[in-house]
Amino acid sequence: MTVPVVDTAVWRERMAALESDAVTAAVIVQCDLRWLRPDSLGMRNEIDHAVMKAKLRRGDGLAVDRVVLHSLPVESAAAVGAFEEWQLRMSAAALLLCADGRPAPRIHRLILAGDRSSAPIPDMVELLDNGDWTDHQRAGLALDIIHTVGATTPLTGYDMNLEGPFGDADPSIYM
């Protein structure tokens, strides 16, 4: 039996709401290690797709802040592989949006302090709908961490290894 990562009905409902013009911001936290399990890949992909689709359609009309882990507190090869692939995909998606002149979702990598093995905030997706957060307290927790100096570091296109069979050491080749 698999343990559900999230209440998928709530997450799907809120991801679909990103298309609404009444929703002007979203804060998404995905720091639980269960996101990296193989049975969570489908839901993780759905969320990534919904964010990209909404940003492509709505551009500046939707601000998206995502919080994910900066590094893993575990050494599982499968988790590390899933983690690296997911971060690469989020970074590549941001690069593609920026190349088209659209603002990318802001991805904040949460730095776990000391010997912490879990995030100090719960996973969530909260929306600013008609000027009101779906859950003020939870959104406030995430926004406080995002705005705390040193608590996060951004995931950017610079985090991608663009060196490949057709690349060279000069990153301007990709400009």
Protein backbone atom coordinates (compact mmCIF):
# COMPACT_ATOMS: atom_id res chain seq x y z
CA MET A 1 0.00 0.00 0.00
CA THR A 2 1.36 3.44 -0.90
CA VAL A 3 1.06 6.40 1.40
CA PRO A 4 -0.42 9.40 -0.42
CA VAL A 5 1.97 12.33 -0.62
CA VAL A 6 -0.77 14.92 -0.60
CA ASP A 7 -4.51 15.24 -0.81
CA THR A 8 -4.42 14.94 -4.59
CA ALA A 9 -7.96 16.27 -5.00
CA VAL A 10 -7.08 19.55 -3.26
CA TRP A 11 -3.80 19.89 -5.15
CA ARG A 12 -5.45 19.19 -8.51
CA GLU A 13 -8.24 21.67 -7.76
CA ARG A 14 -5.75 24.38 -6.84
CA MET A 15 -3.48 23.63 -9.80
CA ALA A 16 -6.49 23.96 -12.13
CA ALA A 17 -7.34 27.29 -10.44
CA LEU A 18 -3.99 28.71 -11.63
CA GLU A 19 -5.75 29.28 -14.96
CA SER A 20 -8.26 31.68 -13.36
CA ASP A 21 -7.64 35.39 -13.79
CA ALA A 22 -8.87 35.81 -10.19
CA VAL A 23 -5.76 33.97 -8.96
CA THR A 24 -2.80 36.35 -9.02
CA ALA A 25 -0.24 34.42 -6.95
CA ALA A 26 0.57 30.93 -5.75
CA VAL A 27 2.97 29.56 -3.19
CA ILE A 28 3.83 25.89 -3.58
CA VAL A 29 5.91 23.96 -1.06
CA GLN A 30 7.19 20.51 -1.98
CA CYS A 31 9.88 19.65 0.58
CA ASP A 32 8.72 16.26 1.84
CA LEU A 33 11.03 13.47 0.70
CA ARG A 34 7.98 11.47 -0.39
CA TRP A 35 7.85 13.69 -3.52
CA LEU A 36 10.93 11.80 -4.70
CA ARG A 37 9.37 8.34 -4.48
CA PRO A 38 8.53 6.62 -7.77
CA ASP A 39 4.82 6.51 -6.90
CA SER A 40 4.84 10.33 -6.57
CA LEU A 41 6.30 11.01 -10.01
CA GLY A 42 2.91 11.28 -11.73
CA MET A 43 1.57 13.88 -9.28
CA ARG A 44 4.86 15.78 -9.31
CA ASN A 45 4.70 15.90 -13.11
CA GLU A 46 1.07 17.08 -13.02
CA ILE A 47 2.03 19.96 -10.75
CA ASP A 48 5.03 20.92 -12.89
CA HIS A 49 2.86 20.82 -16.02
CA ALA A 50 0.09 22.91 -14.44
CA VAL A 51 2.57 25.57 -13.30
CA MET A 52 4.20 25.77 -16.73
CA LYS A 53 0.86 25.87 -18.56
CA ALA A 54 -0.43 28.64 -16.31
CA LYS A 55 2.78 30.69 -16.65
CA LEU A 56 2.73 30.29 -20.44
CA ARG A 57 -0.89 31.45 -20.63
CA ARG A 58 -0.88 34.10 -17.91
CA GLY A 59 2.71 35.42 -17.89
CA ASP A 60 2.98 38.44 -15.57
CA GLY A 61 -0.62 37.94 -14.42
CA LEU A 62 0.44 35.09 -12.15
CA ALA A 63 3.30 35.11 -9.65
CA VAL A 64 4.44 31.63 -8.63
CA ASP A 65 6.83 30.91 -5.77
CA ARG A 66 7.89 27.30 -5.27
CA VAL A 67 9.86 25.99 -2.32
CA VAL A 68 11.81 22.75 -2.71
CA LEU A 69 14.78 21.34 -0.85
CA HIS A 70 18.26 22.66 -1.63
CA SER A 71 19.93 19.36 -0.84
CA LEU A 72 18.84 15.99 0.40
CA PRO A 73 19.31 14.89 4.02
CA VAL A 74 19.46 11.25 2.78
CA GLU A 75 21.87 9.25 0.70
CA SER A 76 19.47 6.99 -1.21
CA ALA A 77 20.67 6.67 -4.82
CA ALA A 78 17.08 6.57 -6.09
CA ALA A 79 16.10 9.71 -4.15
CA VAL A 80 19.24 11.55 -5.27
CA GLY A 81 18.55 10.61 -8.92
CA ALA A 82 14.91 11.74 -8.72
CA PHE A 83 15.96 14.93 -6.92
CA GLU A 84 18.60 15.86 -9.51
CA GLU A 85 16.25 15.09 -12.43
CA TRP A 86 13.46 17.18 -10.91
CA GLN A 87 15.71 20.17 -10.24
CA LEU A 88 17.15 19.94 -13.75
CA ARG A 89 13.64 19.87 -15.21
CA MET A 90 12.50 22.88 -13.15
CA SER A 91 15.63 24.78 -14.17
CA ALA A 92 15.17 23.90 -17.85
CA ALA A 93 11.52 24.98 -17.71
CA ALA A 94 12.56 28.33 -16.23
CA LEU A 95 15.11 28.79 -19.01
CA LEU A 96 12.50 28.06 -21.67
CA LEU A 97 10.06 30.56 -20.19
CA CYS A 98 12.74 33.25 -19.94
CA ALA A 99 13.84 32.61 -23.54
CA ASP A 100 10.30 33.49 -24.60
CA GLY A 101 10.37 36.67 -22.51
CA ARG A 102 7.97 35.33 -19.91
CA PRO A 103 8.65 35.47 -16.19
CA ALA A 104 9.49 32.04 -14.83
CA PRO A 105 8.21 30.69 -11.55
CA ARG A 106 10.54 31.65 -8.72
CA ILE A 107 12.00 28.47 -7.28
CA HIS A 108 13.44 28.77 -3.80
CA ARG A 109 15.65 25.93 -2.56
CA LEU A 110 15.20 25.59 1.19
CA ILE A 111 18.44 25.20 3.13
CA LEU A 112 17.96 22.80 6.04
CA ALA A 113 19.84 24.16 9.02
CA GLY A 114 22.19 22.01 11.07
CA ASP A 115 21.16 18.41 11.38
CA ARG A 116 17.53 18.94 10.34
CA SER A 117 16.16 16.17 8.19
CA SER A 118 12.82 17.77 7.34
CA ALA A 119 11.46 21.17 6.36
CA PRO A 120 10.06 23.46 9.06
CA ILE A 121 6.94 24.07 6.94
CA PRO A 122 4.35 21.66 5.57
CA ASP A 123 3.92 20.92 1.89
CA MET A 124 1.17 23.09 0.46
CA VAL A 125 -0.28 24.91 -2.47
CA GLU A 126 -1.91 28.18 -1.45
CA LEU A 127 -3.46 30.64 -3.87
CA LEU A 128 -4.06 34.38 -3.73
CA ASP A 129 -7.59 34.40 -5.12
CA ASN A 130 -9.32 37.78 -5.44
CA GLY A 131 -6.79 39.24 -3.01
CA ASP A 132 -7.35 36.56 -0.36
CA TRP A 133 -5.08 33.57 0.38
CA THR A 134 -6.74 30.16 0.50
CA ASP A 135 -5.04 29.72 3.90
CA HIS A 136 -3.45 32.90 5.26
CA GLN A 137 -1.47 31.17 8.00
CA ARG A 138 0.10 28.52 5.77
CA ALA A 139 0.87 30.99 2.98
CA GLY A 140 2.41 33.29 5.57
CA LEU A 141 4.70 30.51 6.81
CA ALA A 142 6.00 29.87 3.31
CA LEU A 143 6.36 33.55 2.45
CA ASP A 144 8.23 34.21 5.71
CA ILE A 145 10.77 31.52 4.82
CA ILE A 146 11.08 32.81 1.25
CA HIS A 147 11.80 36.32 2.55
CA THR A 148 14.20 35.26 5.32
CA VAL A 149 17.74 36.05 4.22
CA GLY A 150 19.81 32.89 4.03
CA ALA A 151 16.91 30.46 4.40
CA THR A 152 16.71 29.71 0.69
CA THR A 153 18.76 30.01 -2.46
CA PRO A 154 17.23 30.38 -5.92
CA LEU A 155 17.19 27.65 -8.53
CA THR A 156 18.14 29.29 -11.81
CA GLY A 157 19.14 28.35 -15.32
CA TYR A 158 22.73 28.66 -14.18
CA ASP A 159 22.16 25.51 -12.15
CA MET A 160 21.82 23.52 -15.36
CA ASN A 161 24.78 21.69 -16.76
CA LEU A 162 24.59 22.95 -20.33
CA GLU A 163 27.76 21.18 -21.31
CA GLY A 164 26.70 18.41 -23.62
CA PRO A 165 27.73 16.84 -26.88
CA PHE A 166 27.13 20.12 -28.73
CA GLY A 167 28.26 22.58 -26.07
CA ASP A 168 31.58 24.09 -25.22
CA ALA A 169 33.05 25.84 -22.20
CA ASP A 170 31.61 29.22 -23.25
CA PRO A 171 28.04 29.57 -21.91
CA SER A 172 27.30 32.39 -24.36
CA ILE A 173 26.86 29.71 -27.04
CA TYR A 174 23.39 29.13 -25.52
CA MET A 175 22.37 32.80 -25.74
